[in-house]
C-alpha atoms as a PDB file:
ATOM      1  CA  MET A   1      -1.866  61.227  73.404  1.00  0.00           C
ATOM      2  CA  ASN A   2      -2.909  62.298  76.906  1.00  0.00           C
ATOM      3  CA  ARG A   3      -6.108  64.227  77.523  1.00  0.00           C
ATOM      4  CA  GLN A   4      -4.380  67.617  77.844  1.00  0.00           C
ATOM      5  CA  GLN A   5      -2.557  67.159  74.550  1.00  0.00           C
ATOM      6  CA  GLU A   6      -5.752  65.987  72.893  1.00  0.00           C
ATOM      7  CA  LEU A   7      -7.482  69.216  73.924  1.00  0.00           C
ATOM      8  CA  ILE A   8      -4.500  71.382  72.927  1.00  0.00           C
ATOM      9  CA  THR A   9      -4.314  69.773  69.491  1.00  0.00           C
ATOM     10  CA  PHE A  10      -8.048  70.251  68.989  1.00  0.00           C
ATOM     11  CA  LEU A  11      -7.867  73.942  69.945  1.00  0.00           C
ATOM     12  CA  ILE A  12      -4.891  74.604  67.652  1.00  0.00           C
ATOM     13  CA  GLU A  13      -6.540  73.007  64.638  1.00  0.00           C
ATOM     14  CA  GLU A  14      -9.847  74.722  65.354  1.00  0.00           C
ATOM     15  CA  LEU A  15      -8.619  78.209  66.177  1.00  0.00           C
ATOM     16  CA  LYS A  16      -5.838  78.753  63.659  1.00  0.00           C
ATOM     17  CA  THR A  17      -8.460  78.844  60.902  1.00  0.00           C
ATOM     18  CA  TYR A  18     -10.403  81.690  62.542  1.00  0.00           C
ATOM     19  CA  ASN A  19     -10.080  85.175  61.123  1.00  0.00           C
ATOM     20  CA  GLY A  20      -7.862  87.441  63.201  1.00  0.00           C
ATOM     21  CA  VAL A  21      -6.105  84.739  65.213  1.00  0.00           C
ATOM     22  CA  LYS A  22      -2.415  85.697  65.259  1.00  0.00           C
ATOM     23  CA  SER A  23      -0.874  83.350  67.830  1.00  0.00           C
ATOM     24  CA  LEU A  24      -1.749  80.515  70.195  1.00  0.00           C
ATOM     25  CA  PHE A  25       0.266  79.673  73.288  1.00  0.00           C
ATOM     26  CA  LEU A  26       0.213  78.023  76.693  1.00  0.00           C
ATOM     27  CA  LYS A  27       1.068  79.303  80.143  1.00  0.00           C
ATOM     28  CA  GLY A  28       1.046  77.552  83.497  1.00  0.00           C
ATOM     29  CA  SER A  29       2.529  74.232  84.493  1.00  0.00           C
ATOM     30  CA  LEU A  30       2.213  72.679  81.033  1.00  0.00           C
ATOM     31  CA  ALA A  31       4.331  75.500  79.614  1.00  0.00           C
ATOM     32  CA  ASN A  32       7.115  75.260  82.191  1.00  0.00           C
ATOM     33  CA  ASP A  33       7.406  71.467  82.377  1.00  0.00           C
ATOM     34  CA  THR A  34       5.984  71.144  85.895  1.00  0.00           C
ATOM     35  CA  GLY A  35       2.632  69.725  84.825  1.00  0.00           C
ATOM     36  CA  ASP A  36       1.240  66.269  85.414  1.00  0.00           C
ATOM     37  CA  GLU A  37      -1.837  64.291  84.441  1.00  0.00           C
ATOM     38  CA  TYR A  38      -4.000  66.474  86.702  1.00  0.00           C
ATOM     39  CA  SER A  39      -2.815  69.857  85.399  1.00  0.00           C
ATOM     40  CA  ASP A  40      -5.239  72.281  83.833  1.00  0.00           C
ATOM     41  CA  VAL A  41      -4.715  73.788  80.392  1.00  0.00           C
ATOM     42  CA  ASP A  42      -4.025  77.546  80.345  1.00  0.00           C
ATOM     43  CA  PHE A  43      -4.615  78.327  76.683  1.00  0.00           C
ATOM     44  CA  TYR A  44      -4.176  81.820  75.193  1.00  0.00           C
ATOM     45  CA  ILE A  45      -5.518  83.207  71.918  1.00  0.00           C
ATOM     46  CA  LEU A  46      -3.826  86.345  70.582  1.00  0.00           C
ATOM     47  CA  VAL A  47      -6.222  88.043  68.162  1.00  0.00           C
ATOM     48  CA  ASP A  48      -6.133  91.314  66.242  1.00  0.00           C
ATOM     49  CA  GLU A  49      -8.260  94.270  67.291  1.00  0.00           C
ATOM     50  CA  ALA A  50     -10.683  93.959  64.382  1.00  0.00           C
ATOM     51  CA  HIS A  51     -11.741  90.422  65.294  1.00  0.00           C
ATOM     52  CA  TYR A  52     -11.429  90.616  69.092  1.00  0.00           C
ATOM     53  CA  ASP A  53     -15.139  90.935  69.910  1.00  0.00           C
ATOM     54  CA  GLU A  54     -15.982  88.262  67.357  1.00  0.00           C
ATOM     55  CA  LEU A  55     -13.583  85.819  69.029  1.00  0.00           C
ATOM     56  CA  LEU A  56     -15.062  86.569  72.433  1.00  0.00           C
ATOM     57  CA  ASP A  57     -18.490  85.671  71.076  1.00  0.00           C
ATOM     58  CA  ARG A  58     -17.252  82.454  69.434  1.00  0.00           C
ATOM     59  CA  ARG A  59     -15.508  81.057  72.541  1.00  0.00           C
ATOM     60  CA  GLU A  60     -18.630  79.226  73.583  1.00  0.00           C
ATOM     61  CA  THR A  61     -18.858  77.408  70.272  1.00  0.00           C
ATOM     62  CA  VAL A  62     -15.200  76.402  70.377  1.00  0.00           C
ATOM     63  CA  VAL A  63     -15.140  74.914  73.878  1.00  0.00           C
ATOM     64  CA  LYS A  64     -18.392  72.995  73.342  1.00  0.00           C
ATOM     65  CA  LYS A  65     -17.030  71.195  70.273  1.00  0.00           C
ATOM     66  CA  PHE A  66     -14.413  69.206  72.196  1.00  0.00           C
ATOM     67  CA  LYS A  67     -16.351  67.201  74.787  1.00  0.00           C
ATOM     68  CA  PRO A  68     -19.462  67.550  76.951  1.00  0.00           C
ATOM     69  CA  ILE A  69     -19.055  70.273  79.564  1.00  0.00           C
ATOM     70  CA  VAL A  70     -20.042  69.758  83.201  1.00  0.00           C
ATOM     71  CA  TYR A  71     -18.999  73.200  84.479  1.00  0.00           C
ATOM     72  CA  GLN A  72     -18.516  76.576  82.798  1.00  0.00           C
ATOM     73  CA  SER A  73     -17.911  80.089  84.101  1.00  0.00           C
ATOM     74  CA  HIS A  74     -16.716  83.479  82.855  1.00  0.00           C
ATOM     75  CA  VAL A  75     -14.331  85.722  84.791  1.00  0.00           C
ATOM     76  CA  ASN A  76     -12.204  88.735  83.972  1.00  0.00           C
ATOM     77  CA  PHE A  77      -9.067  89.446  85.978  1.00  0.00           C
ATOM     78  CA  GLY A  78      -7.689  91.870  83.415  1.00  0.00           C
ATOM     79  CA  GLN A  79      -8.254  89.370  80.592  1.00  0.00           C
ATOM     80  CA  PRO A  80     -11.537  87.706  79.549  1.00  0.00           C
ATOM     81  CA  GLN A  81     -11.386  84.073  80.604  1.00  0.00           C
ATOM     82  CA  VAL A  82     -13.642  81.071  80.166  1.00  0.00           C
ATOM     83  CA  ILE A  83     -13.307  78.350  82.787  1.00  0.00           C
ATOM     84  CA  VAL A  84     -14.440  74.944  81.562  1.00  0.00           C
ATOM     85  CA  ILE A  85     -14.465  71.478  83.124  1.00  0.00           C
ATOM     86  CA  TYR A  86     -15.193  68.618  80.714  1.00  0.00           C
ATOM     87  CA  ASP A  87     -16.825  65.309  81.500  1.00  0.00           C
ATOM     88  CA  ASN A  88     -13.390  63.663  81.782  1.00  0.00           C
ATOM     89  CA  ASN A  89     -12.622  66.167  84.602  1.00  0.00           C
ATOM     90  CA  LEU A  90     -10.164  68.088  82.436  1.00  0.00           C
ATOM     91  CA  HIS A  91      -9.961  71.781  83.319  1.00  0.00           C
ATOM     92  CA  LEU A  92      -9.481  74.437  80.623  1.00  0.00           C
ATOM     93  CA  ASP A  93      -8.797  78.141  81.176  1.00  0.00           C
ATOM     94  CA  LEU A  94      -9.246  79.849  77.813  1.00  0.00           C
ATOM     95  CA  TYR A  95      -8.032  83.448  77.444  1.00  0.00           C
ATOM     96  CA  VAL A  96      -8.507  85.881  74.559  1.00  0.00           C
ATOM     97  CA  ILE A  97      -6.000  88.757  74.364  1.00  0.00           C
ATOM     98  CA  LYS A  98      -5.209  91.462  71.811  1.00  0.00           C
ATOM     99  CA  ASP A  99      -1.907  92.855  73.122  1.00  0.00           C
ATOM    100  CA  ILE A 100       1.297  91.023  72.246  1.00  0.00           C
ATOM    101  CA  PRO A 101       2.968  89.868  75.490  1.00  0.00           C
ATOM    102  CA  LEU A 102       6.637  90.845  75.544  1.00  0.00           C
ATOM    103  CA  ASN A 103       7.553  89.701  79.041  1.00  0.00           C
ATOM    104  CA  GLY A 104       6.137  88.238  82.218  1.00  0.00           C
ATOM    105  CA  LEU A 105       6.829  85.998  85.189  1.00  0.00           C
ATOM    106  CA  ASP A 106       5.363  83.016  83.317  1.00  0.00           C
ATOM    107  CA  SER A 107       7.034  80.717  80.861  1.00  0.00           C
ATOM    108  CA  ILE A 108       5.089  80.300  77.638  1.00  0.00           C
ATOM    109  CA  GLU A 109       4.945  77.505  75.090  1.00  0.00           C
ATOM    110  CA  VAL A 110       4.248  78.806  71.610  1.00  0.00           C
ATOM    111  CA  LEU A 111       1.834  76.571  69.696  1.00  0.00           C
ATOM    112  CA  TYR A 112       1.068  78.658  66.619  1.00  0.00           C
ATOM    113  CA  ASP A 113       2.812  81.885  65.652  1.00  0.00           C
ATOM    114  CA  PRO A 114       3.219  82.194  61.874  1.00  0.00           C
ATOM    115  CA  ASP A 115       4.345  85.838  62.020  1.00  0.00           C
ATOM    116  CA  ASP A 116       6.804  85.314  64.921  1.00  0.00           C
ATOM    117  CA  LEU A 117       4.961  87.804  67.104  1.00  0.00           C
ATOM    118  CA  LEU A 118       6.103  86.003  70.240  1.00  0.00           C
ATOM    119  CA  ILE A 119       9.720  85.555  69.241  1.00  0.00           C
ATOM    120  CA  ASN A 120      10.861  88.387  71.527  1.00  0.00           C
ATOM    121  CA  TYR A 121       8.933  87.226  74.594  1.00  0.00           C
ATOM    122  CA  ARG A 122      11.205  87.177  77.634  1.00  0.00           C
ATOM    123  CA  LYS A 123      10.474  85.665  80.987  1.00  0.00           C
ATOM    124  CA  GLU A 124      11.200  88.098  83.804  1.00  0.00           C
ATOM    125  CA  VAL A 125      13.345  87.177  86.788  1.00  0.00           C
ATOM    126  CA  ARG A 126      11.952  87.945  90.220  1.00  0.00           C
ATOM    127  CA  LYS A 127      13.980  90.910  91.395  1.00  0.00           C
ATOM    128  CA  ASP A 128      13.365  91.084  95.127  1.00  0.00           C
ATOM    129  CA  ASP A 129      12.573  87.818  96.852  1.00  0.00           C
ATOM    130  CA  ASN A 130      13.255  89.446 100.222  1.00  0.00           C
ATOM    131  CA  LYS A 131      10.474  91.959  99.593  1.00  0.00           C
ATOM    132  CA  LEU A 132       8.043  89.124  98.889  1.00  0.00           C
ATOM    133  CA  ILE A 133       9.132  87.276 102.036  1.00  0.00           C
ATOM    134  CA  ILE A 134       8.721  90.400 104.168  1.00  0.00           C
ATOM    135  CA  GLU A 135       5.247  91.085 102.774  1.00  0.00           C
ATOM    136  CA  HIS A 136       3.960  87.590 103.571  1.00  0.00           C
ATOM    137  CA  LEU A 137       5.632  87.348 106.965  1.00  0.00           C
ATOM    138  CA  SER A 138       4.140  90.741 107.842  1.00  0.00           C
ATOM    139  CA  ASP A 139       0.702  89.405 106.911  1.00  0.00           C
ATOM    140  CA  VAL A 140       1.267  86.384 109.153  1.00  0.00           C
ATOM    141  CA  ILE A 141       2.307  88.567 112.080  1.00  0.00           C
ATOM    142  CA  TYR A 142      -0.736  90.822 111.729  1.00  0.00           C
ATOM    143  CA  THR A 143      -3.085  87.846 111.403  1.00  0.00           C
ATOM    144  CA  PHE A 144      -2.056  86.673 114.885  1.00  0.00           C
ATOM    145  CA  HIS A 145      -3.937  89.721 116.180  1.00  0.00           C
ATOM    146  CA  GLU A 146      -7.107  88.797 114.291  1.00  0.00           C
ATOM    147  CA  LEU A 147      -6.688  85.219 115.478  1.00  0.00           C
ATOM    148  CA  ASP A 148      -6.478  86.314 119.102  1.00  0.00           C
ATOM    149  CA  ILE A 149      -9.745  88.234 118.719  1.00  0.00           C
ATOM    150  CA  ALA A 150     -11.462  85.283 117.037  1.00  0.00           C
ATOM    151  CA  ILE A 151     -10.447  82.971 119.885  1.00  0.00           C
ATOM    152  CA  LYS A 152     -11.674  85.410 122.530  1.00  0.00           C
ATOM    153  CA  ARG A 153     -14.987  85.587 120.675  1.00  0.00           C
ATOM    154  CA  LYS A 154     -15.072  81.771 120.578  1.00  0.00           C
ATOM    155  CA  ASP A 155     -15.467  81.954 116.808  1.00  0.00           C
ATOM    156  CA  ASP A 156     -13.782  78.664 115.914  1.00  0.00           C
ATOM    157  CA  LEU A 157     -14.828  78.734 112.270  1.00  0.00           C
ATOM    158  CA  TRP A 158     -13.201  82.116 111.644  1.00  0.00           C
ATOM    159  CA  ALA A 159     -10.175  81.165 113.722  1.00  0.00           C
ATOM    160  CA  MET A 160      -9.569  78.086 111.590  1.00  0.00           C
ATOM    161  CA  ARG A 161      -9.950  80.192 108.471  1.00  0.00           C
ATOM    162  CA  LEU A 162      -7.297  82.606 109.760  1.00  0.00           C
ATOM    163  CA  VAL A 163      -4.889  79.750 110.489  1.00  0.00           C
ATOM    164  CA  SER A 164      -5.428  78.570 106.923  1.00  0.00           C
ATOM    165  CA  HIS A 165      -4.605  82.090 105.645  1.00  0.00           C
ATOM    166  CA  MET A 166      -1.425  82.106 107.709  1.00  0.00           C
ATOM    167  CA  MET A 167      -0.304  78.761 106.336  1.00  0.00           C
ATOM    168  CA  ALA A 168      -0.934  80.040 102.810  1.00  0.00           C
ATOM    169  CA  ASP A 169       1.329  83.024 103.492  1.00  0.00           C
ATOM    170  CA  LEU A 170       3.995  80.811 105.072  1.00  0.00           C
ATOM    171  CA  SER A 171       3.775  78.471 102.069  1.00  0.00           C
ATOM    172  CA  LEU A 172       4.485  81.395  99.749  1.00  0.00           C
ATOM    173  CA  VAL A 173       7.488  82.303 101.891  1.00  0.00           C
ATOM    174  CA  LEU A 174       8.762  78.730 101.697  1.00  0.00           C
ATOM    175  CA  CYS A 175       8.265  78.696  97.925  1.00  0.00           C
ATOM    176  CA  THR A 176      10.419  81.789  97.658  1.00  0.00           C
ATOM    177  CA  MET A 177      13.048  80.474 100.080  1.00  0.00           C
ATOM    178  CA  TYR A 178      13.421  77.279  98.080  1.00  0.00           C
ATOM    179  CA  GLU A 179      13.489  79.216  94.804  1.00  0.00           C
ATOM    180  CA  LEU A 180      10.456  77.609  93.235  1.00  0.00           C
ATOM    181  CA  GLU A 181       9.284  79.162  90.007  1.00  0.00           C
ATOM    182  CA  LYS A 182       6.261  81.446  90.182  1.00  0.00           C
ATOM    183  CA  PRO A 183       5.536  80.991  93.912  1.00  0.00           C
ATOM    184  CA  VAL A 184       2.004  82.430  93.857  1.00  0.00           C
ATOM    185  CA  LEU A 185       0.741  79.439  91.895  1.00  0.00           C
ATOM    186  CA  HIS A 186       3.261  76.808  92.807  1.00  0.00           C
ATOM    187  CA  MET A 187       2.553  76.937  96.525  1.00  0.00           C
ATOM    188  CA  LYS A 188       0.253  74.013  95.723  1.00  0.00           C
ATOM    189  CA  GLY A 189       3.354  71.901  95.053  1.00  0.00           C
ATOM    190  CA  ILE A 190       5.616  73.143  97.841  1.00  0.00           C
ATOM    191  CA  TYR A 191       4.705  70.322 100.250  1.00  0.00           C
ATOM    192  CA  HIS A 192       6.467  67.699  98.133  1.00  0.00           C
ATOM    193  CA  LYS A 193       9.631  69.795  97.782  1.00  0.00           C
ATOM    194  CA  LEU A 194      10.278  70.637 101.432  1.00  0.00           C
ATOM    195  CA  PRO A 195      13.268  69.202 103.312  1.00  0.00           C
ATOM    196  CA  LYS A 196      12.196  66.222 105.402  1.00  0.00           C
ATOM    197  CA  GLU A 197      12.546  67.945 108.776  1.00  0.00           C
ATOM    198  CA  LEU A 198      10.481  70.921 107.630  1.00  0.00           C
ATOM    199  CA  LYS A 199       7.863  68.689 106.056  1.00  0.00           C
ATOM    200  CA  VAL A 200       7.390  66.973 109.423  1.00  0.00           C
ATOM    201  CA  LYS A 201       6.654  70.333 111.062  1.00  0.00           C
ATOM    202  CA  VAL A 202       4.170  71.262 108.361  1.00  0.00           C
ATOM    203  CA  ASP A 203       2.519  67.839 108.741  1.00  0.00           C
ATOM    204  CA  GLU A 204       2.091  68.450 112.456  1.00  0.00           C
ATOM    205  CA  ILE A 205       0.396  71.781 111.784  1.00  0.00           C
ATOM    206  CA  LEU A 206      -1.942  70.306 109.173  1.00  0.00           C
ATOM    207  CA  GLU A 207      -2.887  67.427 111.470  1.00  0.00           C
ATOM    208  CA  SER A 208      -3.738  69.842 114.287  1.00  0.00           C
ATOM    209  CA  MET A 209      -5.848  72.213 112.175  1.00  0.00           C
ATOM    210  CA  THR A 210      -9.112  71.368 113.939  1.00  0.00           C
ATOM    211  CA  PRO A 211     -11.100  73.365 116.514  1.00  0.00           C
ATOM    212  CA  LYS A 212     -10.275  70.742 119.145  1.00  0.00           C
ATOM    213  CA  HIS A 213      -6.525  71.197 118.691  1.00  0.00           C
ATOM    214  CA  LEU A 214      -6.572  74.883 117.758  1.00  0.00           C
ATOM    215  CA  MET A 215      -4.262  76.152 120.503  1.00  0.00           C
ATOM    216  CA  SER A 216      -1.713  73.416 119.812  1.00  0.00           C
ATOM    217  CA  CYS A 217      -1.902  74.295 116.128  1.00  0.00           C
ATOM    218  CA  ILE A 218      -1.253  77.971 116.865  1.00  0.00           C
ATOM    219  CA  ASP A 219       1.778  77.083 118.976  1.00  0.00           C
ATOM    220  CA  LYS A 220       3.197  75.130 116.053  1.00  0.00           C
ATOM    221  CA  VAL A 221       2.518  77.986 113.622  1.00  0.00           C
ATOM    222  CA  ILE A 222       4.344  80.354 115.979  1.00  0.00           C
ATOM    223  CA  LEU A 223       7.337  78.016 116.124  1.00  0.00           C
ATOM    224  CA  LEU A 224       7.444  77.647 112.341  1.00  0.00           C
ATOM    225  CA  THR A 225       7.142  81.405 111.838  1.00  0.00           C
ATOM    226  CA  ASP A 226       9.893  82.008 114.386  1.00  0.00           C
ATOM    227  CA  GLU A 227      12.144  79.456 112.679  1.00  0.00           C
ATOM    228  CA  ILE A 228      11.605  81.054 109.272  1.00  0.00           C
ATOM    229  CA  ILE A 229      12.311  84.558 110.580  1.00  0.00           C
ATOM    230  CA  SER A 230      15.437  83.363 112.411  1.00  0.00           C
ATOM    231  CA  SER A 231      16.748  81.734 109.236  1.00  0.00           C
ATOM    232  CA  ARG A 232      16.450  84.899 107.154  1.00  0.00           C
ATOM    233  CA  PRO A 233      19.413  87.183 106.498  1.00  0.00           C
ATOM    234  CA  ASN A 234      19.816  90.420 108.445  1.00  0.00           C
ATOM    235  CA  GLU A 235      18.520  92.352 105.448  1.00  0.00           C
ATOM    236  CA  VAL A 236      15.118  90.745 105.994  1.00  0.00           C
ATOM    237  CA  LYS A 237      15.154  90.913 109.793  1.00  0.00           C
ATOM    238  CA  GLU A 238      15.990  94.607 109.736  1.00  0.00           C
ATOM    239  CA  ARG A 239      13.134  95.375 107.333  1.00  0.00           C
ATOM    240  CA  LEU A 240      10.595  93.190 109.148  1.00  0.00           C
ATOM    241  CA  ASP A 241       8.729  94.679 112.099  1.00  0.00           C
ATOM    242  CA  THR A 242       8.708  91.823 114.606  1.00  0.00           C
ATOM    243  CA  THR A 243       7.604  93.841 117.647  1.00  0.00           C
ATOM    244  CA  TYR A 244       4.092  92.424 117.655  1.00  0.00           C
ATOM    245  CA  PHE A 245       5.297  88.907 116.882  1.00  0.00           C
ATOM    246  CA  ASN A 246       7.567  89.005 119.941  1.00  0.00           C
ATOM    247  CA  PHE A 247       4.565  90.216 121.929  1.00  0.00           C
ATOM    248  CA  VAL A 248       2.512  87.338 120.531  1.00  0.00           C
ATOM    249  CA  LYS A 249       5.121  84.782 121.604  1.00  0.00           C
ATOM    250  CA  THR A 250       5.380  86.056 125.169  1.00  0.00           C
ATOM    251  CA  GLU A 251       2.013  87.591 126.020  1.00  0.00           C
ATOM    252  CA  VAL A 252      -0.823  86.498 123.724  1.00  0.00           C
ATOM    253  CA  PHE A 253      -0.697  82.765 123.119  1.00  0.00           C
END
C-alpha cells in the first residue's frame, strides 16, 4: 500500500463512524488517474447540516491521528479546507462540505456513500475552450505593457515576475490546445506532454528567465505567443484584440 492509499484508508475507517458523515470522496489527480507518488490527497467529507460545525471542530483530531504533522494551515475558498503536510512529506487537503455535489469540472472517486447520494454526480464538459484561450492570451498581451514599464524602471525583480505570469497564462493556453483535463490545475504537467519542437521552445524560454538574459527571454515569449495566435482558428483571431501585440512586436521590444 502506498502512502496516499494508507492515508485514504485511515480517513475512511476513521470518518465513516462519525455522526452525520454521509459520503467520502476524492477529487484531484488521484480521482482522475493522473496521480503519481508525489500527488497530494484531495479528500472530501460530505456531512449533514446538523453535524457540520461538529465535524469542522473535529478535523484537527482526525488529521493528527495519522502521522506527525510538520505543516498545517486553514483556508476557505468557498469551502473550509485544512492543509496538512505529514512527516513523510505527504500533502493532504481535507474539505468538509454539506451540499451534495451534482456536477463539476472535476472527476470524483467515491470512497463511501451508503445512501448513493453521489450516484447522480456528472462531470461537466468544458463548453468554450476558445473563450478560455482568448482570456489568457489577452492577459499575456496586456502584460507586455506592464513588462515594458518594469524594464524602463529597471525593476528586474518585477519584470521577471511578469514573465513568469505570462508563461503561466501561455501554459494554460497550451493545456487547452492539447485538450488536457482541467487545465487550471494540470498546467503543472503540461511540460511533459508538449510536442518535441514546442518543448524545445519552452526550454529556451525557461533557460533565459534570468535578469541577465531578460531581453532575449522576452523575444522568445513574443515568438511563442505569435506562434500560438497564428495557429488558432479564425474564430479566435477575430475575437482577440491583437492591436497592442502587433505594436509590441514592431515598436516596444
